Amino acid sequence: MSNKKIDPWQDNTEAHDVINMCLQQLGEKVENIEKNLQELPTFDKVFVKNEKKGEYVHFIEIIKDIYERLDKIEQRLL
């Protein structure tokens, strides 16, 4: 057996250093995630080319148009 003494203060200091390093890395990752989320386009910034109109329109307008067309089809079937 080894009679090597472990200094609890030194061991505690190393543990705190490792925990601090992990927390710093987690903080950096959270910052990167927040930055990337802010750069994602929202639906009001997404444009799609409408072949019928020959121009680009908001994605939300395309969805509204699809729902209107579906409603018309449903009305014809009833």
Protein backbone atom coordinates (compact mmCIF):
# COMPACT_ATOMS: atom_id res chain seq x y z
CA MET A 1 0.00 0.00 0.00
CA SER A 2 1.01 3.55 -0.62
CA ASN A 3 1.40 5.92 2.26
CA LYS A 4 0.97 8.90 -0.05
CA LYS A 5 -1.07 11.57 1.67
CA ILE A 6 -3.73 13.40 -0.27
CA ASP A 7 -4.05 17.08 0.48
CA PRO A 8 -7.84 17.68 0.67
CA TRP A 9 -7.39 21.37 -0.02
CA GLN A 10 -5.45 20.71 -3.20
CA ASP A 11 -7.97 18.08 -4.30
CA ASN A 12 -10.83 20.49 -3.60
CA THR A 13 -9.09 23.27 -5.57
CA GLU A 14 -8.64 20.99 -8.58
CA ALA A 15 -12.29 19.95 -8.44
CA HIS A 16 -13.38 23.59 -8.36
CA ASP A 17 -11.12 24.40 -11.31
CA VAL A 18 -12.63 21.57 -13.36
CA ILE A 19 -16.19 22.61 -12.45
CA ASN A 20 -15.38 26.23 -13.34
CA MET A 21 -13.95 25.17 -16.70
CA CYS A 22 -17.07 23.08 -17.45
CA LEU A 23 -19.35 25.98 -16.55
CA GLN A 24 -17.39 28.35 -18.79
CA GLN A 25 -17.66 25.93 -21.72
CA LEU A 26 -21.40 25.49 -21.13
CA GLY A 27 -21.82 29.28 -21.04
CA GLU A 28 -20.02 29.60 -24.37
CA LYS A 29 -22.21 26.91 -25.93
CA VAL A 30 -25.37 28.64 -24.67
CA GLU A 31 -24.16 31.92 -26.18
CA ASN A 32 -23.56 30.18 -29.53
CA ILE A 33 -27.02 28.60 -29.44
CA GLU A 34 -28.66 31.95 -28.66
CA LYS A 35 -26.71 33.65 -31.45
CA ASN A 36 -27.70 30.99 -33.98
CA LEU A 37 -31.35 31.11 -32.92
CA GLN A 38 -31.43 34.86 -33.47
CA GLU A 39 -30.06 34.39 -36.99
CA LEU A 40 -32.76 31.88 -37.99
CA PRO A 41 -35.30 33.40 -40.34
CA THR A 42 -38.87 33.65 -39.09
CA PHE A 43 -41.83 32.93 -41.34
CA ASP A 44 -42.41 36.62 -41.96
CA LYS A 45 -38.90 36.82 -43.45
CA VAL A 46 -39.23 33.77 -45.71
CA PHE A 47 -40.30 34.46 -49.28
CA VAL A 48 -41.44 31.87 -51.81
CA LYS A 49 -41.95 32.41 -55.51
CA ASN A 50 -45.63 32.19 -56.39
CA GLU A 51 -45.78 30.71 -59.88
CA LYS A 52 -49.32 32.00 -60.46
CA LYS A 53 -48.38 35.60 -59.70
CA GLY A 54 -44.79 35.37 -60.91
CA GLU A 55 -43.49 37.16 -57.84
CA TYR A 56 -42.14 36.38 -54.41
CA VAL A 57 -44.61 36.42 -51.53
CA HIS A 58 -44.41 35.78 -47.80
CA PHE A 59 -44.51 32.14 -46.79
CA ILE A 60 -47.50 32.96 -44.57
CA GLU A 61 -49.42 34.17 -47.64
CA ILE A 62 -48.71 30.86 -49.38
CA ILE A 63 -50.10 28.96 -46.38
CA LYS A 64 -53.21 31.17 -46.31
CA ASP A 65 -53.71 30.55 -50.04
CA ILE A 66 -53.43 26.79 -49.52
CA TYR A 67 -56.06 26.87 -46.77
CA GLU A 68 -58.43 28.93 -48.91
CA ARG A 69 -58.06 26.47 -51.77
CA LEU A 70 -58.67 23.53 -49.45
CA ASP A 71 -61.80 25.22 -48.10
CA LYS A 72 -63.09 25.67 -51.66
CA ILE A 73 -62.45 22.02 -52.45
CA GLU A 74 -64.22 20.94 -49.25
CA GLN A 75 -67.22 23.14 -50.10
CA ARG A 76 -67.49 21.53 -53.54
CA LEU A 77 -67.41 18.06 -52.03
CA LEU A 78 -70.19 18.83 -49.55
